[in-house]
Protein backbone atom coordinates (compact mmCIF):
# COMPACT_ATOMS: atom_id res chain seq x y z
CA UNK A 1 0.00 0.00 0.00
CA UNK A 2 1.16 3.53 -0.71
CA UNK A 3 2.90 5.29 2.15
CA UNK A 4 3.63 2.29 4.33
CA UNK A 5 6.91 2.11 6.20
CA UNK A 6 8.37 0.41 9.20
CA UNK A 7 5.87 1.05 11.99
CA UNK A 8 8.55 0.62 14.67
CA UNK A 9 9.91 4.04 13.73
CA UNK A 10 6.76 5.66 15.07
CA UNK A 11 6.82 4.08 18.54
CA UNK A 12 6.68 6.83 21.18
CA UNK A 13 9.88 7.19 23.16
CA UNK A 14 10.31 7.14 26.92
CA UNK A 15 7.49 7.17 29.42
CA UNK A 16 4.73 7.59 26.85
CA UNK A 17 5.34 4.09 25.50
CA UNK A 18 4.44 2.52 28.84
CA UNK A 19 0.78 3.44 28.27
CA UNK A 20 -0.09 1.92 24.94
CA UNK A 21 -3.37 2.99 23.37
CA UNK A 22 -5.44 0.92 21.00
CA UNK A 23 -7.20 1.69 17.77
CA UNK A 24 -7.27 4.78 15.59
CA UNK A 25 -8.86 8.09 16.54
CA UNK A 26 -10.35 10.17 13.70
CA UNK A 27 -9.38 13.75 14.62
CA UNK A 28 -9.26 17.29 13.28
CA UNK A 29 -5.86 18.99 13.34
CA UNK A 30 -6.72 21.36 16.23
CA UNK A 31 -7.37 18.36 18.51
CA UNK A 32 -3.80 17.16 17.90
CA UNK A 33 -2.25 20.63 18.27
CA UNK A 34 -4.14 21.31 21.54
CA UNK A 35 -3.61 17.85 23.05
CA UNK A 36 -1.27 17.46 26.05
CA UNK A 37 2.06 15.65 25.69
CA UNK A 38 2.12 11.89 25.34
CA UNK A 39 -0.33 9.54 23.72
CA UNK A 40 -3.38 10.44 21.67
CA UNK A 41 -6.15 10.77 24.21
CA UNK A 42 -9.83 11.74 24.23
CA UNK A 43 -11.78 11.91 27.50
CA UNK A 44 -9.39 9.47 29.16
CA UNK A 45 -9.41 7.07 26.18
CA UNK A 46 -5.94 6.19 24.86
CA UNK A 47 -5.43 5.63 21.12
CA UNK A 48 -2.45 4.19 19.27
CA UNK A 49 -2.80 6.38 16.20
CA UNK A 50 -4.56 9.43 14.79
CA UNK A 51 -6.25 9.78 11.41
CA UNK A 52 -6.61 13.24 9.86
CA UNK A 53 -7.86 14.49 6.50
CA UNK A 54 -6.47 17.76 5.21
CA UNK A 55 -5.17 19.75 2.25
CA UNK A 56 -1.45 19.57 1.45
CA UNK A 57 -0.26 23.19 1.49
CA UNK A 58 3.47 22.52 1.13
CA UNK A 59 5.86 19.62 0.46
CA UNK A 60 9.54 19.71 1.46
CA UNK A 61 11.84 16.84 0.54
CA UNK A 62 15.21 16.13 2.14
CA UNK A 63 17.48 13.08 2.03
CA UNK A 64 15.90 11.59 5.18
CA UNK A 65 12.26 12.67 5.11
CA UNK A 66 9.42 14.38 3.29
CA UNK A 67 7.52 17.01 5.28
CA UNK A 68 3.92 17.72 4.30
CA UNK A 69 2.21 20.81 5.70
CA UNK A 70 -1.43 19.78 6.22
CA UNK A 71 -4.38 22.12 6.75
CA UNK A 72 -8.03 21.55 7.60
CA UNK A 73 -10.75 23.95 8.80
CA UNK A 74 -9.31 23.87 12.33
CA UNK A 75 -5.57 24.42 11.86
CA UNK A 76 -2.23 23.39 10.37
CA UNK A 77 0.33 20.71 11.23
CA UNK A 78 3.53 19.30 9.72
CA UNK A 79 3.55 15.59 8.92
CA UNK A 80 6.89 13.81 8.49
CA UNK A 81 7.26 10.80 6.22
CA UNK A 82 10.65 9.23 7.00
CA UNK A 83 12.62 7.81 4.10
CA UNK A 84 14.82 4.77 4.35
CA UNK A 85 17.69 4.32 1.91
CA UNK A 86 16.43 4.05 -1.65
CA UNK A 87 12.89 4.85 -0.50
CA UNK A 88 12.40 8.10 -2.40
CA UNK A 89 10.66 6.35 -5.29
CA UNK A 90 8.18 4.72 -2.88
CA UNK A 91 7.09 8.07 -1.47
CA UNK A 92 3.36 8.80 -1.75
CA UNK A 93 2.38 10.66 -4.90
CA UNK A 94 0.75 13.77 -3.51
CA UNK A 95 0.10 17.13 -5.14
CA UNK A 96 0.00 20.48 -3.34
CA UNK A 97 -3.54 21.79 -2.69
CA UNK A 98 -5.01 18.28 -2.88
CA UNK A 99 -6.68 16.45 0.00
CA UNK A 100 -4.96 13.50 1.71
CA UNK A 101 -5.83 11.10 4.54
CA UNK A 102 -2.98 10.55 6.99
CA UNK A 103 -2.57 7.85 9.65
CA UNK A 104 0.19 8.51 12.17
CA UNK A 105 1.44 9.06 15.69
CA UNK A 106 1.96 12.46 17.31
CA UNK A 107 5.21 14.02 18.52
CA UNK A 108 6.27 17.34 20.00
CA UNK A 109 9.30 19.01 18.43
CA UNK A 110 10.56 22.29 19.87
CA UNK A 111 7.15 22.81 21.48
CA UNK A 112 5.27 22.18 18.23
CA UNK A 113 3.08 19.17 17.53
CA UNK A 114 3.92 17.11 14.45
CA UNK A 115 2.61 13.90 12.90
CA UNK A 116 4.84 10.91 12.16
CA UNK A 117 3.28 9.42 9.03
CA UNK A 118 2.51 5.72 9.04
CA UNK A 119 0.32 5.82 5.94
CA UNK A 120 -0.61 8.67 3.59
CA UNK A 121 -3.31 8.26 0.96
CA UNK A 122 -4.67 10.72 -1.62
CA UNK A 123 -8.37 11.50 -1.13
CA UNK A 124 -10.10 10.88 -4.46
CA UNK A 125 -13.72 11.30 -3.35
CA UNK A 126 -14.85 14.62 -1.80
CA UNK A 127 -17.33 12.68 0.35
CA UNK A 128 -14.35 11.30 2.31
CA UNK A 129 -13.64 14.79 3.67
CA UNK A 130 -17.19 15.16 5.00
CA UNK A 131 -17.28 11.56 6.26
CA UNK A 132 -14.03 12.06 8.20
CA UNK A 133 -15.45 15.14 9.92
CA UNK A 134 -18.55 13.19 10.96
CA UNK A 135 -16.38 10.32 12.22
CA UNK A 136 -14.26 12.77 14.26
CA UNK A 137 -17.42 14.24 15.85
CA UNK A 138 -18.88 10.80 16.48
CA UNK A 139 -15.67 9.53 18.14
CA UNK A 140 -15.47 12.60 20.35
CA UNK A 141 -19.08 12.36 21.58
CA UNK A 142 -18.87 8.59 22.07
CA UNK A 143 -15.69 9.00 24.17
CA UNK A 144 -17.34 11.74 26.25
CA UNK A 145 -20.45 9.61 26.73
CA UNK A 146 -18.33 6.61 27.70
CA UNK A 147 -16.40 8.65 30.28
CA UNK A 148 -19.58 10.17 31.71
CA UNK A 149 -20.81 6.63 32.40
CA UNK A 150 -17.60 5.89 34.30
CA UNK A 151 -16.19 3.60 31.62
CA UNK A 152 -12.75 5.11 31.19
CA UNK A 153 -11.74 4.96 34.86
CA UNK A 154 -12.84 1.34 35.16
CA UNK A 155 -11.32 0.23 31.88
CA UNK A 156 -8.04 2.15 32.12
CA UNK A 157 -6.21 -0.57 34.03
CA UNK A 158 -7.03 -3.49 31.74
CA UNK A 159 -7.48 -2.31 28.21
CA UNK A 160 -7.29 -5.79 26.64
CA UNK A 161 -10.21 -7.50 28.34
CA UNK A 162 -13.44 -5.74 27.51
CA UNK A 163 -14.05 -2.27 28.92
CA UNK A 164 -11.87 0.35 27.37
CA UNK A 165 -10.02 -2.04 25.05
CA UNK A 166 -13.20 -3.06 23.28
CA UNK A 167 -14.30 0.53 23.12
CA UNK A 168 -11.08 1.83 21.56
CA UNK A 169 -11.12 -1.02 19.08
CA UNK A 170 -14.71 -0.21 18.15
CA UNK A 171 -13.79 3.45 17.67
CA UNK A 172 -11.42 2.53 14.86
CA UNK A 173 -14.20 0.61 13.12
CA UNK A 174 -14.88 3.88 11.38
CA UNK A 175 -12.42 2.46 8.85
CA UNK A 176 -14.26 -0.84 8.31
CA UNK A 177 -17.91 -0.98 9.28
CA UNK A 178 -19.56 -4.26 10.17
CA UNK A 179 -16.69 -5.71 12.23
CA UNK A 180 -17.03 -6.43 15.93
CA UNK A 181 -14.21 -5.30 18.28
CA UNK A 182 -12.26 -8.59 18.10
CA UNK A 183 -12.48 -8.71 14.30
CA UNK A 184 -11.48 -5.04 14.16
CA UNK A 185 -8.44 -5.64 16.39
CA UNK A 186 -7.27 -8.55 14.19
CA UNK A 187 -7.91 -6.44 11.07
CA UNK A 188 -5.80 -3.57 12.49
CA UNK A 189 -2.95 -5.99 13.28
CA UNK A 190 -2.99 -7.29 9.69
CA UNK A 191 -3.28 -3.76 8.33
CA UNK A 192 -0.38 -2.40 10.38
CA UNK A 193 1.99 -5.18 9.23
CA UNK A 194 4.18 -3.78 6.46
CA UNK A 195 6.09 -6.88 5.28
CA UNK A 196 5.58 -8.01 1.70
CA UNK A 197 4.38 -11.49 2.64
CA UNK A 198 1.95 -10.16 5.26
CA UNK A 199 1.43 -11.31 8.83
CA UNK A 200 1.43 -15.03 9.67
CA UNK A 201 -1.35 -16.95 11.43
CA UNK A 202 1.23 -17.94 14.07
CA UNK A 203 2.10 -14.28 14.74
CA UNK A 204 -1.59 -13.41 15.07
CA UNK A 205 -2.12 -16.28 17.54
CA UNK A 206 0.76 -14.94 19.66
CA UNK A 207 -0.57 -11.38 19.48
CA UNK A 208 -4.14 -12.41 20.36
CA UNK A 209 -3.52 -15.13 22.93
CA UNK A 210 -6.88 -14.31 24.58
CA UNK A 211 -8.72 -15.42 21.40
CA UNK A 212 -8.95 -19.21 20.91
CA UNK A 213 -7.42 -20.75 17.77
CA UNK A 214 -10.80 -21.76 16.40
CA UNK A 215 -12.29 -18.30 16.96
CA UNK A 216 -9.26 -16.63 15.35
CA UNK A 217 -9.54 -18.95 12.34
CA UNK A 218 -13.26 -18.08 12.06
CA UNK A 219 -12.44 -14.34 12.21
CA UNK A 220 -9.83 -14.73 9.44
CA UNK A 221 -12.19 -16.81 7.27
CA UNK A 222 -14.96 -14.24 7.74
CA UNK A 223 -12.71 -11.30 6.78
CA UNK A 224 -11.47 -13.16 3.68
CA UNK A 225 -15.06 -13.91 2.63
CA UNK A 226 -15.99 -10.23 3.17
CA UNK A 227 -13.03 -9.08 1.07
CA UNK A 228 -11.23 -7.22 3.89
CA UNK A 229 -8.09 -9.40 3.76
CA UNK A 230 -6.56 -12.04 1.48
CA UNK A 231 -3.98 -14.79 1.90
CA UNK A 232 -0.60 -14.06 0.31
CA UNK A 233 2.33 -16.49 -0.07
CA UNK A 234 0.33 -19.37 1.44
CA UNK A 235 -2.90 -20.02 3.35
CA UNK A 236 -1.27 -18.88 6.62
CA UNK A 237 -0.11 -15.36 5.65
CA UNK A 238 -2.52 -12.44 5.35
CA UNK A 239 -2.53 -8.99 3.79
CA UNK A 240 -5.12 -6.24 4.12
CA UNK A 241 -6.98 -5.25 0.95
CA UNK A 242 -7.26 -1.55 1.91
C-alpha atoms as a PDB file:
ATOM      1  CA  UNK A   1       0.000   0.000   0.000  1.00  0.00           C
ATOM      2  CA  UNK A   2       1.156   3.533  -0.708  1.00  0.00           C
ATOM      3  CA  UNK A   3       2.901   5.293   2.149  1.00  0.00           C
ATOM      4  CA  UNK A   4       3.628   2.293   4.333  1.00  0.00           C
ATOM      5  CA  UNK A   5       6.908   2.115   6.200  1.00  0.00           C
ATOM      6  CA  UNK A   6       8.373   0.407   9.204  1.00  0.00           C
ATOM      7  CA  UNK A   7       5.869   1.050  11.987  1.00  0.00           C
ATOM      8  CA  UNK A   8       8.546   0.622  14.669  1.00  0.00           C
ATOM      9  CA  UNK A   9       9.905   4.045  13.733  1.00  0.00           C
ATOM     10  CA  UNK A  10       6.760   5.658  15.074  1.00  0.00           C
ATOM     11  CA  UNK A  11       6.824   4.077  18.539  1.00  0.00           C
ATOM     12  CA  UNK A  12       6.679   6.828  21.176  1.00  0.00           C
ATOM     13  CA  UNK A  13       9.876   7.191  23.155  1.00  0.00           C
ATOM     14  CA  UNK A  14      10.309   7.138  26.916  1.00  0.00           C
ATOM     15  CA  UNK A  15       7.490   7.169  29.418  1.00  0.00           C
ATOM     16  CA  UNK A  16       4.728   7.588  26.855  1.00  0.00           C
ATOM     17  CA  UNK A  17       5.344   4.092  25.501  1.00  0.00           C
ATOM     18  CA  UNK A  18       4.441   2.521  28.840  1.00  0.00           C
ATOM     19  CA  UNK A  19       0.780   3.436  28.270  1.00  0.00           C
ATOM     20  CA  UNK A  20      -0.092   1.923  24.939  1.00  0.00           C
ATOM     21  CA  UNK A  21      -3.366   2.989  23.375  1.00  0.00           C
ATOM     22  CA  UNK A  22      -5.439   0.919  21.003  1.00  0.00           C
ATOM     23  CA  UNK A  23      -7.200   1.694  17.766  1.00  0.00           C
ATOM     24  CA  UNK A  24      -7.273   4.778  15.590  1.00  0.00           C
ATOM     25  CA  UNK A  25      -8.864   8.088  16.539  1.00  0.00           C
ATOM     26  CA  UNK A  26     -10.346  10.174  13.700  1.00  0.00           C
ATOM     27  CA  UNK A  27      -9.383  13.749  14.625  1.00  0.00           C
ATOM     28  CA  UNK A  28      -9.263  17.292  13.284  1.00  0.00           C
ATOM     29  CA  UNK A  29      -5.857  18.992  13.341  1.00  0.00           C
ATOM     30  CA  UNK A  30      -6.722  21.363  16.228  1.00  0.00           C
ATOM     31  CA  UNK A  31      -7.366  18.359  18.509  1.00  0.00           C
ATOM     32  CA  UNK A  32      -3.801  17.162  17.900  1.00  0.00           C
ATOM     33  CA  UNK A  33      -2.252  20.631  18.271  1.00  0.00           C
ATOM     34  CA  UNK A  34      -4.137  21.311  21.542  1.00  0.00           C
ATOM     35  CA  UNK A  35      -3.606  17.848  23.053  1.00  0.00           C
ATOM     36  CA  UNK A  36      -1.269  17.460  26.046  1.00  0.00           C
ATOM     37  CA  UNK A  37       2.057  15.650  25.692  1.00  0.00           C
ATOM     38  CA  UNK A  38       2.117  11.887  25.338  1.00  0.00           C
ATOM     39  CA  UNK A  39      -0.327   9.538  23.717  1.00  0.00           C
ATOM     40  CA  UNK A  40      -3.377  10.441  21.667  1.00  0.00           C
ATOM     41  CA  UNK A  41      -6.146  10.772  24.209  1.00  0.00           C
ATOM     42  CA  UNK A  42      -9.827  11.742  24.231  1.00  0.00           C
ATOM     43  CA  UNK A  43     -11.784  11.915  27.496  1.00  0.00           C
ATOM     44  CA  UNK A  44      -9.394   9.472  29.159  1.00  0.00           C
ATOM     45  CA  UNK A  45      -9.406   7.067  26.181  1.00  0.00           C
ATOM     46  CA  UNK A  46      -5.937   6.191  24.861  1.00  0.00           C
ATOM     47  CA  UNK A  47      -5.434   5.625  21.124  1.00  0.00           C
ATOM     48  CA  UNK A  48      -2.451   4.187  19.270  1.00  0.00           C
ATOM     49  CA  UNK A  49      -2.801   6.378  16.202  1.00  0.00           C
ATOM     50  CA  UNK A  50      -4.563   9.426  14.788  1.00  0.00           C
ATOM     51  CA  UNK A  51      -6.247   9.779  11.414  1.00  0.00           C
ATOM     52  CA  UNK A  52      -6.610  13.238   9.856  1.00  0.00           C
ATOM     53  CA  UNK A  53      -7.865  14.488   6.500  1.00  0.00           C
ATOM     54  CA  UNK A  54      -6.471  17.762   5.209  1.00  0.00           C
ATOM     55  CA  UNK A  55      -5.171  19.747   2.247  1.00  0.00           C
ATOM     56  CA  UNK A  56      -1.448  19.571   1.454  1.00  0.00           C
ATOM     57  CA  UNK A  57      -0.256  23.191   1.486  1.00  0.00           C
ATOM     58  CA  UNK A  58       3.472  22.518   1.134  1.00  0.00           C
ATOM     59  CA  UNK A  59       5.863  19.623   0.458  1.00  0.00           C
ATOM     60  CA  UNK A  60       9.536  19.713   1.462  1.00  0.00           C
ATOM     61  CA  UNK A  61      11.837  16.844   0.538  1.00  0.00           C
ATOM     62  CA  UNK A  62      15.207  16.127   2.142  1.00  0.00           C
ATOM     63  CA  UNK A  63      17.475  13.076   2.031  1.00  0.00           C
ATOM     64  CA  UNK A  64      15.901  11.594   5.183  1.00  0.00           C
ATOM     65  CA  UNK A  65      12.258  12.674   5.105  1.00  0.00           C
ATOM     66  CA  UNK A  66       9.416  14.377   3.286  1.00  0.00           C
ATOM     67  CA  UNK A  67       7.517  17.009   5.275  1.00  0.00           C
ATOM     68  CA  UNK A  68       3.925  17.721   4.301  1.00  0.00           C
ATOM     69  CA  UNK A  69       2.206  20.812   5.704  1.00  0.00           C
ATOM     70  CA  UNK A  70      -1.434  19.783   6.218  1.00  0.00           C
ATOM     71  CA  UNK A  71      -4.376  22.122   6.755  1.00  0.00           C
ATOM     72  CA  UNK A  72      -8.034  21.554   7.603  1.00  0.00           C
ATOM     73  CA  UNK A  73     -10.752  23.951   8.801  1.00  0.00           C
ATOM     74  CA  UNK A  74      -9.313  23.869  12.334  1.00  0.00           C
ATOM     75  CA  UNK A  75      -5.573  24.424  11.864  1.00  0.00           C
ATOM     76  CA  UNK A  76      -2.232  23.393  10.366  1.00  0.00           C
ATOM     77  CA  UNK A  77       0.327  20.711  11.232  1.00  0.00           C
ATOM     78  CA  UNK A  78       3.528  19.301   9.717  1.00  0.00           C
ATOM     79  CA  UNK A  79       3.550  15.590   8.924  1.00  0.00           C
ATOM     80  CA  UNK A  80       6.892  13.809   8.487  1.00  0.00           C
ATOM     81  CA  UNK A  81       7.256  10.799   6.221  1.00  0.00           C
ATOM     82  CA  UNK A  82      10.647   9.229   7.000  1.00  0.00           C
ATOM     83  CA  UNK A  83      12.619   7.809   4.101  1.00  0.00           C
ATOM     84  CA  UNK A  84      14.820   4.772   4.354  1.00  0.00           C
ATOM     85  CA  UNK A  85      17.692   4.325   1.907  1.00  0.00           C
ATOM     86  CA  UNK A  86      16.430   4.049  -1.654  1.00  0.00           C
ATOM     87  CA  UNK A  87      12.888   4.847  -0.502  1.00  0.00           C
ATOM     88  CA  UNK A  88      12.397   8.103  -2.400  1.00  0.00           C
ATOM     89  CA  UNK A  89      10.662   6.351  -5.290  1.00  0.00           C
ATOM     90  CA  UNK A  90       8.184   4.721  -2.880  1.00  0.00           C
ATOM     91  CA  UNK A  91       7.091   8.067  -1.472  1.00  0.00           C
ATOM     92  CA  UNK A  92       3.358   8.795  -1.754  1.00  0.00           C
ATOM     93  CA  UNK A  93       2.383  10.661  -4.902  1.00  0.00           C
ATOM     94  CA  UNK A  94       0.753  13.772  -3.514  1.00  0.00           C
ATOM     95  CA  UNK A  95       0.099  17.130  -5.140  1.00  0.00           C
ATOM     96  CA  UNK A  96       0.003  20.476  -3.337  1.00  0.00           C
ATOM     97  CA  UNK A  97      -3.543  21.791  -2.689  1.00  0.00           C
ATOM     98  CA  UNK A  98      -5.014  18.280  -2.877  1.00  0.00           C
ATOM     99  CA  UNK A  99      -6.681  16.447   0.005  1.00  0.00           C
ATOM    100  CA  UNK A 100      -4.959  13.500   1.714  1.00  0.00           C
ATOM    101  CA  UNK A 101      -5.826  11.100   4.535  1.00  0.00           C
ATOM    102  CA  UNK A 102      -2.977  10.545   6.992  1.00  0.00           C
ATOM    103  CA  UNK A 103      -2.571   7.848   9.655  1.00  0.00           C
ATOM    104  CA  UNK A 104       0.188   8.506  12.173  1.00  0.00           C
ATOM    105  CA  UNK A 105       1.436   9.057  15.694  1.00  0.00           C
ATOM    106  CA  UNK A 106       1.958  12.462  17.305  1.00  0.00           C
ATOM    107  CA  UNK A 107       5.209  14.021  18.520  1.00  0.00           C
ATOM    108  CA  UNK A 108       6.267  17.338  20.003  1.00  0.00           C
ATOM    109  CA  UNK A 109       9.295  19.005  18.427  1.00  0.00           C
ATOM    110  CA  UNK A 110      10.555  22.287  19.872  1.00  0.00           C
ATOM    111  CA  UNK A 111       7.150  22.815  21.481  1.00  0.00           C
ATOM    112  CA  UNK A 112       5.271  22.184  18.234  1.00  0.00           C
ATOM    113  CA  UNK A 113       3.076  19.170  17.535  1.00  0.00           C
ATOM    114  CA  UNK A 114       3.916  17.105  14.448  1.00  0.00           C
ATOM    115  CA  UNK A 115       2.611  13.899  12.904  1.00  0.00           C
ATOM    116  CA  UNK A 116       4.843  10.907  12.156  1.00  0.00           C
ATOM    117  CA  UNK A 117       3.277   9.424   9.029  1.00  0.00           C
ATOM    118  CA  UNK A 118       2.512   5.715   9.043  1.00  0.00           C
ATOM    119  CA  UNK A 119       0.323   5.823   5.936  1.00  0.00           C
ATOM    120  CA  UNK A 120      -0.611   8.666   3.594  1.00  0.00           C
ATOM    121  CA  UNK A 121      -3.312   8.257   0.955  1.00  0.00           C
ATOM    122  CA  UNK A 122      -4.666  10.715  -1.621  1.00  0.00           C
ATOM    123  CA  UNK A 123      -8.372  11.498  -1.133  1.00  0.00           C
ATOM    124  CA  UNK A 124     -10.102  10.875  -4.461  1.00  0.00           C
ATOM    125  CA  UNK A 125     -13.721  11.298  -3.354  1.00  0.00           C
ATOM    126  CA  UNK A 126     -14.851  14.617  -1.797  1.00  0.00           C
ATOM    127  CA  UNK A 127     -17.331  12.678   0.346  1.00  0.00           C
ATOM    128  CA  UNK A 128     -14.346  11.302   2.312  1.00  0.00           C
ATOM    129  CA  UNK A 129     -13.644  14.793   3.673  1.00  0.00           C
ATOM    130  CA  UNK A 130     -17.191  15.156   5.000  1.00  0.00           C
ATOM    131  CA  UNK A 131     -17.275  11.561   6.255  1.00  0.00           C
ATOM    132  CA  UNK A 132     -14.033  12.063   8.198  1.00  0.00           C
ATOM    133  CA  UNK A 133     -15.449  15.140   9.924  1.00  0.00           C
ATOM    134  CA  UNK A 134     -18.554  13.195  10.962  1.00  0.00           C
ATOM    135  CA  UNK A 135     -16.377  10.316  12.217  1.00  0.00           C
ATOM    136  CA  UNK A 136     -14.264  12.771  14.260  1.00  0.00           C
ATOM    137  CA  UNK A 137     -17.415  14.241  15.846  1.00  0.00           C
ATOM    138  CA  UNK A 138     -18.884  10.801  16.482  1.00  0.00           C
ATOM    139  CA  UNK A 139     -15.671   9.528  18.141  1.00  0.00           C
ATOM    140  CA  UNK A 140     -15.469  12.599  20.354  1.00  0.00           C
ATOM    141  CA  UNK A 141     -19.081  12.361  21.579  1.00  0.00           C
ATOM    142  CA  UNK A 142     -18.865   8.595  22.074  1.00  0.00           C
ATOM    143  CA  UNK A 143     -15.693   8.997  24.166  1.00  0.00           C
ATOM    144  CA  UNK A 144     -17.336  11.743  26.249  1.00  0.00           C
ATOM    145  CA  UNK A 145     -20.447   9.612  26.732  1.00  0.00           C
ATOM    146  CA  UNK A 146     -18.329   6.608  27.697  1.00  0.00           C
ATOM    147  CA  UNK A 147     -16.396   8.653  30.275  1.00  0.00           C
ATOM    148  CA  UNK A 148     -19.576  10.172  31.713  1.00  0.00           C
ATOM    149  CA  UNK A 149     -20.810   6.628  32.405  1.00  0.00           C
ATOM    150  CA  UNK A 150     -17.600   5.886  34.300  1.00  0.00           C
ATOM    151  CA  UNK A 151     -16.188   3.599  31.622  1.00  0.00           C
ATOM    152  CA  UNK A 152     -12.751   5.114  31.186  1.00  0.00           C
ATOM    153  CA  UNK A 153     -11.742   4.963  34.860  1.00  0.00           C
ATOM    154  CA  UNK A 154     -12.845   1.345  35.156  1.00  0.00           C
ATOM    155  CA  UNK A 155     -11.316   0.226  31.882  1.00  0.00           C
ATOM    156  CA  UNK A 156      -8.041   2.153  32.119  1.00  0.00           C
ATOM    157  CA  UNK A 157      -6.208  -0.570  34.027  1.00  0.00           C
ATOM    158  CA  UNK A 158      -7.034  -3.487  31.745  1.00  0.00           C
ATOM    159  CA  UNK A 159      -7.484  -2.310  28.206  1.00  0.00           C
ATOM    160  CA  UNK A 160      -7.294  -5.789  26.644  1.00  0.00           C
ATOM    161  CA  UNK A 161     -10.212  -7.498  28.339  1.00  0.00           C
ATOM    162  CA  UNK A 162     -13.440  -5.742  27.508  1.00  0.00           C
ATOM    163  CA  UNK A 163     -14.053  -2.274  28.919  1.00  0.00           C
ATOM    164  CA  UNK A 164     -11.866   0.347  27.366  1.00  0.00           C
ATOM    165  CA  UNK A 165     -10.017  -2.038  25.052  1.00  0.00           C
ATOM    166  CA  UNK A 166     -13.201  -3.063  23.283  1.00  0.00           C
ATOM    167  CA  UNK A 167     -14.304   0.526  23.118  1.00  0.00           C
ATOM    168  CA  UNK A 168     -11.084   1.828  21.564  1.00  0.00           C
ATOM    169  CA  UNK A 169     -11.123  -1.019  19.076  1.00  0.00           C
ATOM    170  CA  UNK A 170     -14.711  -0.208  18.147  1.00  0.00           C
ATOM    171  CA  UNK A 171     -13.792   3.451  17.670  1.00  0.00           C
ATOM    172  CA  UNK A 172     -11.420   2.533  14.859  1.00  0.00           C
ATOM    173  CA  UNK A 173     -14.202   0.608  13.124  1.00  0.00           C
ATOM    174  CA  UNK A 174     -14.883   3.884  11.380  1.00  0.00           C
ATOM    175  CA  UNK A 175     -12.417   2.461   8.850  1.00  0.00           C
ATOM    176  CA  UNK A 176     -14.263  -0.842   8.310  1.00  0.00           C
ATOM    177  CA  UNK A 177     -17.910  -0.976   9.281  1.00  0.00           C
ATOM    178  CA  UNK A 178     -19.558  -4.262  10.171  1.00  0.00           C
ATOM    179  CA  UNK A 179     -16.691  -5.714  12.227  1.00  0.00           C
ATOM    180  CA  UNK A 180     -17.035  -6.432  15.930  1.00  0.00           C
ATOM    181  CA  UNK A 181     -14.206  -5.299  18.276  1.00  0.00           C
ATOM    182  CA  UNK A 182     -12.256  -8.591  18.100  1.00  0.00           C
ATOM    183  CA  UNK A 183     -12.477  -8.706  14.304  1.00  0.00           C
ATOM    184  CA  UNK A 184     -11.482  -5.037  14.162  1.00  0.00           C
ATOM    185  CA  UNK A 185      -8.442  -5.640  16.385  1.00  0.00           C
ATOM    186  CA  UNK A 186      -7.271  -8.548  14.187  1.00  0.00           C
ATOM    187  CA  UNK A 187      -7.908  -6.440  11.069  1.00  0.00           C
ATOM    188  CA  UNK A 188      -5.799  -3.574  12.488  1.00  0.00           C
ATOM    189  CA  UNK A 189      -2.949  -5.994  13.280  1.00  0.00           C
ATOM    190  CA  UNK A 190      -2.993  -7.287   9.686  1.00  0.00           C
ATOM    191  CA  UNK A 191      -3.282  -3.755   8.328  1.00  0.00           C
ATOM    192  CA  UNK A 192      -0.378  -2.400  10.381  1.00  0.00           C
ATOM    193  CA  UNK A 193       1.986  -5.180   9.226  1.00  0.00           C
ATOM    194  CA  UNK A 194       4.185  -3.784   6.458  1.00  0.00           C
ATOM    195  CA  UNK A 195       6.090  -6.875   5.284  1.00  0.00           C
ATOM    196  CA  UNK A 196       5.576  -8.015   1.695  1.00  0.00           C
ATOM    197  CA  UNK A 197       4.381 -11.493   2.641  1.00  0.00           C
ATOM    198  CA  UNK A 198       1.945 -10.164   5.259  1.00  0.00           C
ATOM    199  CA  UNK A 199       1.432 -11.314   8.833  1.00  0.00           C
ATOM    200  CA  UNK A 200       1.427 -15.031   9.671  1.00  0.00           C
ATOM    201  CA  UNK A 201      -1.349 -16.953  11.426  1.00  0.00           C
ATOM    202  CA  UNK A 202       1.231 -17.937  14.070  1.00  0.00           C
ATOM    203  CA  UNK A 203       2.103 -14.281  14.739  1.00  0.00           C
ATOM    204  CA  UNK A 204      -1.593 -13.408  15.069  1.00  0.00           C
ATOM    205  CA  UNK A 205      -2.117 -16.279  17.539  1.00  0.00           C
ATOM    206  CA  UNK A 206       0.756 -14.942  19.662  1.00  0.00           C
ATOM    207  CA  UNK A 207      -0.568 -11.376  19.481  1.00  0.00           C
ATOM    208  CA  UNK A 208      -4.141 -12.411  20.362  1.00  0.00           C
ATOM    209  CA  UNK A 209      -3.516 -15.128  22.931  1.00  0.00           C
ATOM    210  CA  UNK A 210      -6.880 -14.310  24.583  1.00  0.00           C
ATOM    211  CA  UNK A 211      -8.717 -15.417  21.403  1.00  0.00           C
ATOM    212  CA  UNK A 212      -8.954 -19.206  20.905  1.00  0.00           C
ATOM    213  CA  UNK A 213      -7.417 -20.750  17.775  1.00  0.00           C
ATOM    214  CA  UNK A 214     -10.801 -21.762  16.396  1.00  0.00           C
ATOM    215  CA  UNK A 215     -12.289 -18.296  16.959  1.00  0.00           C
ATOM    216  CA  UNK A 216      -9.257 -16.625  15.352  1.00  0.00           C
ATOM    217  CA  UNK A 217      -9.542 -18.945  12.337  1.00  0.00           C
ATOM    218  CA  UNK A 218     -13.257 -18.078  12.064  1.00  0.00           C
ATOM    219  CA  UNK A 219     -12.439 -14.340  12.209  1.00  0.00           C
ATOM    220  CA  UNK A 220      -9.826 -14.733   9.438  1.00  0.00           C
ATOM    221  CA  UNK A 221     -12.187 -16.808   7.268  1.00  0.00           C
ATOM    222  CA  UNK A 222     -14.959 -14.244   7.739  1.00  0.00           C
ATOM    223  CA  UNK A 223     -12.713 -11.303   6.784  1.00  0.00           C
ATOM    224  CA  UNK A 224     -11.470 -13.157   3.681  1.00  0.00           C
ATOM    225  CA  UNK A 225     -15.057 -13.906   2.628  1.00  0.00           C
ATOM    226  CA  UNK A 226     -15.987 -10.228   3.167  1.00  0.00           C
ATOM    227  CA  UNK A 227     -13.031  -9.085   1.075  1.00  0.00           C
ATOM    228  CA  UNK A 228     -11.229  -7.216   3.894  1.00  0.00           C
ATOM    229  CA  UNK A 229      -8.086  -9.404   3.756  1.00  0.00           C
ATOM    230  CA  UNK A 230      -6.557 -12.042   1.478  1.00  0.00           C
ATOM    231  CA  UNK A 231      -3.984 -14.794   1.903  1.00  0.00           C
ATOM    232  CA  UNK A 232      -0.603 -14.063   0.308  1.00  0.00           C
ATOM    233  CA  UNK A 233       2.327 -16.488  -0.066  1.00  0.00           C
ATOM    234  CA  UNK A 234       0.326 -19.370   1.444  1.00  0.00           C
ATOM    235  CA  UNK A 235      -2.898 -20.016   3.352  1.00  0.00           C
ATOM    236  CA  UNK A 236      -1.273 -18.879   6.620  1.00  0.00           C
ATOM    237  CA  UNK A 237      -0.114 -15.360   5.649  1.00  0.00           C
ATOM    238  CA  UNK A 238      -2.523 -12.443   5.351  1.00  0.00           C
ATOM    239  CA  UNK A 239      -2.530  -8.991   3.790  1.00  0.00           C
ATOM    240  CA  UNK A 240      -5.125  -6.237   4.124  1.00  0.00           C
ATOM    241  CA  UNK A 241      -6.985  -5.251   0.947  1.00  0.00           C
ATOM    242  CA  UNK A 242      -7.261  -1.554   1.905  1.00  0.00           C
END
